[in-house]
PDB file of N, CA and C in Angstrom:
ATOM      1  N   UNK A   1      54.476 159.187  68.083  1.00  0.00           N
ATOM      2  CA  UNK A   1      54.206 158.000  68.874  1.00  0.00           C
ATOM      3  C   UNK A   1      55.473 157.141  68.895  1.00  0.00           C
ATOM      4  N   UNK A   2      55.827 156.703  70.097  1.00  0.00           N
ATOM      5  CA  UNK A   2      56.986 155.855  70.296  1.00  0.00           C
ATOM      6  C   UNK A   2      56.556 154.598  71.030  1.00  0.00           C
ATOM      7  N   UNK A   3      57.166 153.472  70.685  1.00  0.00           N
ATOM      8  CA  UNK A   3      56.857 152.212  71.351  1.00  0.00           C
ATOM      9  C   UNK A   3      58.103 151.669  72.015  1.00  0.00           C
ATOM     10  N   UNK A   4      57.907 151.047  73.184  1.00  0.00           N
ATOM     11  CA  UNK A   4      59.039 150.503  73.924  1.00  0.00           C
ATOM     12  C   UNK A   4      58.660 149.137  74.498  1.00  0.00           C
ATOM     13  N   UNK A   5      59.486 148.139  74.231  1.00  0.00           N
ATOM     14  CA  UNK A   5      59.281 146.795  74.791  1.00  0.00           C
ATOM     15  C   UNK A   5      59.670 146.804  76.267  1.00  0.00           C
ATOM     16  N   UNK A   6      58.858 146.162  77.094  1.00  0.00           N
ATOM     17  CA  UNK A   6      59.147 146.066  78.521  1.00  0.00           C
ATOM     18  C   UNK A   6      58.519 144.792  79.078  1.00  0.00           C
ATOM     19  N   UNK A   7      58.786 144.524  80.325  1.00  0.00           N
ATOM     20  CA  UNK A   7      58.272 143.328  80.987  1.00  0.00           C
ATOM     21  C   UNK A   7      57.408 143.739  82.162  1.00  0.00           C
ATOM     22  N   UNK A   8      56.275 143.090  82.317  1.00  0.00           N
ATOM     23  CA  UNK A   8      55.411 143.297  83.471  1.00  0.00           C
ATOM     24  C   UNK A   8      55.374 142.017  84.284  1.00  0.00           C
ATOM     25  N   UNK A   9      55.369 142.157  85.584  1.00  0.00           N
ATOM     26  CA  UNK A   9      55.334 141.021  86.490  1.00  0.00           C
ATOM     27  C   UNK A   9      53.919 140.868  87.039  1.00  0.00           C
ATOM     28  N   UNK A  10      53.390 139.664  86.926  1.00  0.00           N
ATOM     29  CA  UNK A  10      52.070 139.345  87.472  1.00  0.00           C
ATOM     30  C   UNK A  10      52.270 138.309  88.558  1.00  0.00           C
ATOM     31  N   UNK A  11      51.653 138.539  89.706  1.00  0.00           N
ATOM     32  CA  UNK A  11      51.741 137.576  90.799  1.00  0.00           C
ATOM     33  C   UNK A  11      50.344 137.090  91.134  1.00  0.00           C
ATOM     34  N   UNK A  12      50.195 135.761  91.220  1.00  0.00           N
ATOM     35  CA  UNK A  12      48.926 135.145  91.587  1.00  0.00           C
ATOM     36  C   UNK A  12      49.228 133.988  92.525  1.00  0.00           C
ATOM     37  N   UNK A  13      48.809 134.110  93.784  1.00  0.00           N
ATOM     38  CA  UNK A  13      49.100 133.111  94.813  1.00  0.00           C
ATOM     39  C   UNK A  13      50.607 132.890  94.896  1.00  0.00           C
ATOM     40  N   UNK A  14      51.071 131.628  94.751  1.00  0.00           N
ATOM     41  CA  UNK A  14      52.506 131.360  94.859  1.00  0.00           C
ATOM     42  C   UNK A  14      53.203 131.330  93.498  1.00  0.00           C
ATOM     43  N   UNK A  15      52.558 131.892  92.475  1.00  0.00           N
ATOM     44  CA  UNK A  15      53.128 131.903  91.130  1.00  0.00           C
ATOM     45  C   UNK A  15      53.338 133.330  90.654  1.00  0.00           C
ATOM     46  N   UNK A  16      54.339 133.497  89.802  1.00  0.00           N
ATOM     47  CA  UNK A  16      54.613 134.793  89.187  1.00  0.00           C
ATOM     48  C   UNK A  16      54.904 134.561  87.717  1.00  0.00           C
ATOM     49  N   UNK A  17      54.602 135.560  86.913  1.00  0.00           N
ATOM     50  CA  UNK A  17      54.852 135.459  85.476  1.00  0.00           C
ATOM     51  C   UNK A  17      55.434 136.771  84.971  1.00  0.00           C
ATOM     52  N   UNK A  18      56.431 136.667  84.109  1.00  0.00           N
ATOM     53  CA  UNK A  18      57.004 137.822  83.419  1.00  0.00           C
ATOM     54  C   UNK A  18      56.398 137.863  82.026  1.00  0.00           C
ATOM     55  N   UNK A  19      55.663 138.929  81.738  1.00  0.00           N
ATOM     56  CA  UNK A  19      54.959 139.056  80.466  1.00  0.00           C
ATOM     57  C   UNK A  19      55.599 140.181  79.666  1.00  0.00           C
ATOM     58  N   UNK A  20      55.989 139.883  78.439  1.00  0.00           N
ATOM     59  CA  UNK A  20      56.552 140.887  77.541  1.00  0.00           C
ATOM     60  C   UNK A  20      55.405 141.678  76.921  1.00  0.00           C
ATOM     61  N   UNK A  21      55.467 143.019  77.083  1.00  0.00           N
ATOM     62  CA  UNK A  21      54.448 143.894  76.510  1.00  0.00           C
ATOM     63  C   UNK A  21      55.129 145.066  75.827  1.00  0.00           C
ATOM     64  N   UNK A  22      54.321 145.871  75.167  1.00  0.00           N
ATOM     65  CA  UNK A  22      54.831 147.049  74.484  1.00  0.00           C
ATOM     66  C   UNK A  22      54.097 148.280  75.022  1.00  0.00           C
ATOM     67  N   UNK A  23      54.834 149.234  75.566  1.00  0.00           N
ATOM     68  CA  UNK A  23      54.251 150.490  76.019  1.00  0.00           C
ATOM     69  C   UNK A  23      54.258 151.475  74.861  1.00  0.00           C
ATOM     70  N   UNK A  24      53.174 152.220  74.741  1.00  0.00           N
ATOM     71  CA  UNK A  24      53.028 153.199  73.675  1.00  0.00           C
ATOM     72  C   UNK A  24      53.081 154.590  74.297  1.00  0.00           C
ATOM     73  N   UNK A  25      54.051 155.371  73.862  1.00  0.00           N
ATOM     74  CA  UNK A  25      54.233 156.738  74.358  1.00  0.00           C
ATOM     75  C   UNK A  25      53.728 157.730  73.314  1.00  0.00           C
ATOM     76  N   UNK A  26      52.878 158.643  73.752  1.00  0.00           N
ATOM     77  CA  UNK A  26      52.387 159.714  72.888  1.00  0.00           C
ATOM     78  C   UNK A  26      52.470 161.028  73.658  1.00  0.00           C
ATOM     79  N   UNK A  27      51.981 162.095  73.070  1.00  0.00           N
ATOM     80  CA  UNK A  27      51.959 163.395  73.733  1.00  0.00           C
ATOM     81  C   UNK A  27      50.722 163.560  74.613  1.00  0.00           C
ATOM     82  N   UNK A  28      49.885 162.538  74.707  1.00  0.00           N
ATOM     83  CA  UNK A  28      48.666 162.601  75.529  1.00  0.00           C
ATOM     84  C   UNK A  28      49.003 162.593  77.013  1.00  0.00           C
ATOM     85  N   UNK A  29      48.040 163.020  77.818  1.00  0.00           N
ATOM     86  CA  UNK A  29      48.192 162.954  79.268  1.00  0.00           C
ATOM     87  C   UNK A  29      48.130 161.516  79.765  1.00  0.00           C
ATOM     88  N   UNK A  30      47.563 160.604  78.988  1.00  0.00           N
ATOM     89  CA  UNK A  30      47.407 159.202  79.391  1.00  0.00           C
ATOM     90  C   UNK A  30      48.647 158.370  79.084  1.00  0.00           C
ATOM     91  N   UNK A  31      49.597 158.914  78.452  1.00  0.00           N
ATOM     92  CA  UNK A  31      50.791 158.187  78.032  1.00  0.00           C
ATOM     93  C   UNK A  31      51.673 157.843  79.223  1.00  0.00           C
ATOM     94  N   UNK A  32      52.331 156.697  79.258  1.00  0.00           N
ATOM     95  CA  UNK A  32      52.278 155.606  78.287  1.00  0.00           C
ATOM     96  C   UNK A  32      51.075 154.712  78.546  1.00  0.00           C
ATOM     97  N   UNK A  33      50.684 153.966  77.527  1.00  0.00           N
ATOM     98  CA  UNK A  33      49.568 153.050  77.678  1.00  0.00           C
ATOM     99  C   UNK A  33      49.823 151.767  76.920  1.00  0.00           C
ATOM    100  N   UNK A  34      48.965 150.781  77.173  1.00  0.00           N
ATOM    101  CA  UNK A  34      49.069 149.465  76.541  1.00  0.00           C
ATOM    102  C   UNK A  34      48.111 149.373  75.372  1.00  0.00           C
ATOM    103  N   UNK A  35      48.440 148.512  74.428  1.00  0.00           N
ATOM    104  CA  UNK A  35      47.478 148.194  73.384  1.00  0.00           C
ATOM    105  C   UNK A  35      46.401 147.292  73.980  1.00  0.00           C
ATOM    106  N   UNK A  36      45.291 147.195  73.319  1.00  0.00           N
ATOM    107  CA  UNK A  36      44.208 146.319  73.776  1.00  0.00           C
ATOM    108  C   UNK A  36      44.692 144.875  73.819  1.00  0.00           C
ATOM    109  N   UNK A  37      45.514 144.483  72.855  1.00  0.00           N
ATOM    110  CA  UNK A  37      46.029 143.115  72.797  1.00  0.00           C
ATOM    111  C   UNK A  37      46.923 142.799  73.993  1.00  0.00           C
ATOM    112  N   UNK A  38      47.799 143.740  74.358  1.00  0.00           N
ATOM    113  CA  UNK A  38      48.681 143.509  75.499  1.00  0.00           C
ATOM    114  C   UNK A  38      47.900 143.476  76.814  1.00  0.00           C
ATOM    115  N   UNK A  39      46.885 144.317  76.940  1.00  0.00           N
ATOM    116  CA  UNK A  39      46.045 144.297  78.142  1.00  0.00           C
ATOM    117  C   UNK A  39      45.324 142.952  78.252  1.00  0.00           C
ATOM    118  N   UNK A  40      44.822 142.442  77.133  1.00  0.00           N
ATOM    119  CA  UNK A  40      44.152 141.133  77.131  1.00  0.00           C
ATOM    120  C   UNK A  40      45.145 140.021  77.466  1.00  0.00           C
ATOM    121  N   UNK A  41      46.373 140.149  76.985  1.00  0.00           N
ATOM    122  CA  UNK A  41      47.415 139.166  77.270  1.00  0.00           C
ATOM    123  C   UNK A  41      47.706 139.103  78.771  1.00  0.00           C
ATOM    124  N   UNK A  42      47.818 140.261  79.414  1.00  0.00           N
ATOM    125  CA  UNK A  42      48.041 140.299  80.862  1.00  0.00           C
ATOM    126  C   UNK A  42      46.884 139.644  81.611  1.00  0.00           C
ATOM    127  N   UNK A  43      45.661 139.942  81.185  1.00  0.00           N
ATOM    128  CA  UNK A  43      44.483 139.338  81.818  1.00  0.00           C
ATOM    129  C   UNK A  43      44.454 137.829  81.620  1.00  0.00           C
ATOM    130  N   UNK A  44      44.825 137.377  80.426  1.00  0.00           N
ATOM    131  CA  UNK A  44      44.821 135.941  80.137  1.00  0.00           C
ATOM    132  C   UNK A  44      45.862 135.201  80.975  1.00  0.00           C
ATOM    133  N   UNK A  45      47.033 135.771  81.123  1.00  0.00           N
ATOM    134  CA  UNK A  45      48.066 135.148  81.949  1.00  0.00           C
ATOM    135  C   UNK A  45      47.623 135.107  83.411  1.00  0.00           C
ATOM    136  N   UNK A  46      47.054 136.199  83.904  1.00  0.00           N
ATOM    137  CA  UNK A  46      46.579 136.253  85.292  1.00  0.00           C
ATOM    138  C   UNK A  46      45.509 135.185  85.539  1.00  0.00           C
ATOM    139  N   UNK A  47      44.573 135.054  84.617  1.00  0.00           N
ATOM    140  CA  UNK A  47      43.510 134.058  84.763  1.00  0.00           C
ATOM    141  C   UNK A  47      44.065 132.646  84.664  1.00  0.00           C
ATOM    142  N   UNK A  48      45.019 132.408  83.778  1.00  0.00           N
ATOM    143  CA  UNK A  48      45.633 131.082  83.650  1.00  0.00           C
ATOM    144  C   UNK A  48      46.360 130.697  84.943  1.00  0.00           C
ATOM    145  N   UNK A  49      47.067 131.638  85.545  1.00  0.00           N
ATOM    146  CA  UNK A  49      47.734 131.352  86.818  1.00  0.00           C
ATOM    147  C   UNK A  49      46.714 131.067  87.912  1.00  0.00           C
ATOM    148  N   UNK A  50      45.623 131.824  87.925  1.00  0.00           N
ATOM    149  CA  UNK A  50      44.591 131.625  88.939  1.00  0.00           C
ATOM    150  C   UNK A  50      43.992 130.225  88.845  1.00  0.00           C
ATOM    151  N   UNK A  51      43.816 129.737  87.610  1.00  0.00           N
ATOM    152  CA  UNK A  51      43.242 128.409  87.388  1.00  0.00           C
ATOM    153  C   UNK A  51      44.303 127.306  87.356  1.00  0.00           C
ATOM    154  N   UNK A  52      45.563 127.694  87.560  1.00  0.00           N
ATOM    155  CA  UNK A  52      46.696 126.758  87.494  1.00  0.00           C
ATOM    156  C   UNK A  52      46.791 126.068  86.126  1.00  0.00           C
ATOM    157  N   UNK A  53      46.468 126.818  85.087  1.00  0.00           N
ATOM    158  CA  UNK A  53      46.579 126.357  83.701  1.00  0.00           C
ATOM    159  C   UNK A  53      47.951 126.801  83.188  1.00  0.00           C
ATOM    160  N   UNK A  54      48.975 126.036  83.571  1.00  0.00           N
ATOM    161  CA  UNK A  54      50.346 126.430  83.265  1.00  0.00           C
ATOM    162  C   UNK A  54      50.691 126.272  81.783  1.00  0.00           C
ATOM    163  N   UNK A  55      49.983 125.405  81.084  1.00  0.00           N
ATOM    164  CA  UNK A  55      50.218 125.248  79.643  1.00  0.00           C
ATOM    165  C   UNK A  55      49.913 126.565  78.920  1.00  0.00           C
ATOM    166  N   UNK A  56      48.805 127.178  79.243  1.00  0.00           N
ATOM    167  CA  UNK A  56      48.440 128.457  78.628  1.00  0.00           C
ATOM    168  C   UNK A  56      49.373 129.570  79.098  1.00  0.00           C
ATOM    169  N   UNK A  57      49.638 129.618  80.387  1.00  0.00           N
ATOM    170  CA  UNK A  57      50.471 130.686  80.940  1.00  0.00           C
ATOM    171  C   UNK A  57      51.878 130.672  80.352  1.00  0.00           C
ATOM    172  N   UNK A  58      52.460 129.475  80.192  1.00  0.00           N
ATOM    173  CA  UNK A  58      53.835 129.405  79.684  1.00  0.00           C
ATOM    174  C   UNK A  58      53.922 129.713  78.188  1.00  0.00           C
ATOM    175  N   UNK A  59      52.820 129.659  77.467  1.00  0.00           N
ATOM    176  CA  UNK A  59      52.825 130.068  76.053  1.00  0.00           C
ATOM    177  C   UNK A  59      52.935 131.585  75.922  1.00  0.00           C
ATOM    178  N   UNK A  60      52.472 132.300  76.952  1.00  0.00           N
ATOM    179  CA  UNK A  60      52.421 133.758  76.892  1.00  0.00           C
ATOM    180  C   UNK A  60      53.461 134.458  77.754  1.00  0.00           C
ATOM    181  N   UNK A  61      54.075 133.714  78.701  1.00  0.00           N
ATOM    182  CA  UNK A  61      54.975 134.359  79.653  1.00  0.00           C
ATOM    183  C   UNK A  61      55.946 133.348  80.242  1.00  0.00           C
ATOM    184  N   UNK A  62      56.940 133.876  80.961  1.00  0.00           N
ATOM    185  CA  UNK A  62      57.832 133.027  81.753  1.00  0.00           C
ATOM    186  C   UNK A  62      57.203 132.898  83.129  1.00  0.00           C
ATOM    187  N   UNK A  63      56.973 131.657  83.565  1.00  0.00           N
ATOM    188  CA  UNK A  63      56.243 131.410  84.804  1.00  0.00           C
ATOM    189  C   UNK A  63      57.191 130.865  85.862  1.00  0.00           C
ATOM    190  N   UNK A  64      57.026 131.353  87.091  1.00  0.00           N
ATOM    191  CA  UNK A  64      57.851 130.950  88.218  1.00  0.00           C
ATOM    192  C   UNK A  64      56.966 130.545  89.393  1.00  0.00           C
ATOM    193  N   UNK A  65      57.461 129.619  90.200  1.00  0.00           N
ATOM    194  CA  UNK A  65      56.796 129.270  91.453  1.00  0.00           C
ATOM    195  C   UNK A  65      57.584 129.935  92.568  1.00  0.00           C
ATOM    196  N   UNK A  66      56.900 130.670  93.420  1.00  0.00           N
ATOM    197  CA  UNK A  66      57.534 131.387  94.518  1.00  0.00           C
ATOM    198  C   UNK A  66      57.530 130.533  95.761  1.00  0.00           C
ATOM    199  N   UNK A  67      58.620 130.563  96.491  1.00  0.00           N
ATOM    200  CA  UNK A  67      58.685 129.855  97.762  1.00  0.00           C
ATOM    201  C   UNK A  67      59.462 130.707  98.756  1.00  0.00           C
ATOM    202  N   UNK A  68      59.039 130.703 100.022  1.00  0.00           N
ATOM    203  CA  UNK A  68      59.720 131.539 101.009  1.00  0.00           C
ATOM    204  C   UNK A  68      61.109 130.987 101.344  1.00  0.00           C
ATOM    205  N   UNK A  69      61.999 131.883 101.699  1.00  0.00           N
ATOM    206  CA  UNK A  69      63.344 131.489 102.124  1.00  0.00           C
ATOM    207  C   UNK A  69      63.303 131.094 103.597  1.00  0.00           C
ATOM    208  N   UNK A  70      63.950 130.011 103.925  1.00  0.00           N
ATOM    209  CA  UNK A  70      64.055 129.589 105.317  1.00  0.00           C
ATOM    210  C   UNK A  70      65.369 130.120 105.872  1.00  0.00           C
ATOM    211  N   UNK A  71      65.304 131.278 106.520  1.00  0.00           N
ATOM    212  CA  UNK A  71      66.517 131.925 107.019  1.00  0.00           C
ATOM    213  C   UNK A  71      66.618 131.766 108.503  1.00  0.00           C
TER     214      UNK A  71
END
């Protein structure tokens, strides 16, 4: 079993969050996969962004506000 740190991007409306997670690599066909804790973390950040609860979201991830470019 090998573990690798990586970042997942979550987008909700005009907000995005970079969440640090750990992928677990094994010899299984399901590899790589997330731990239950990391999956819950992604869900919590997504729900916090949906509710505009930025205090919670910023404790777990880097949060950004997206805006279109006027070209």
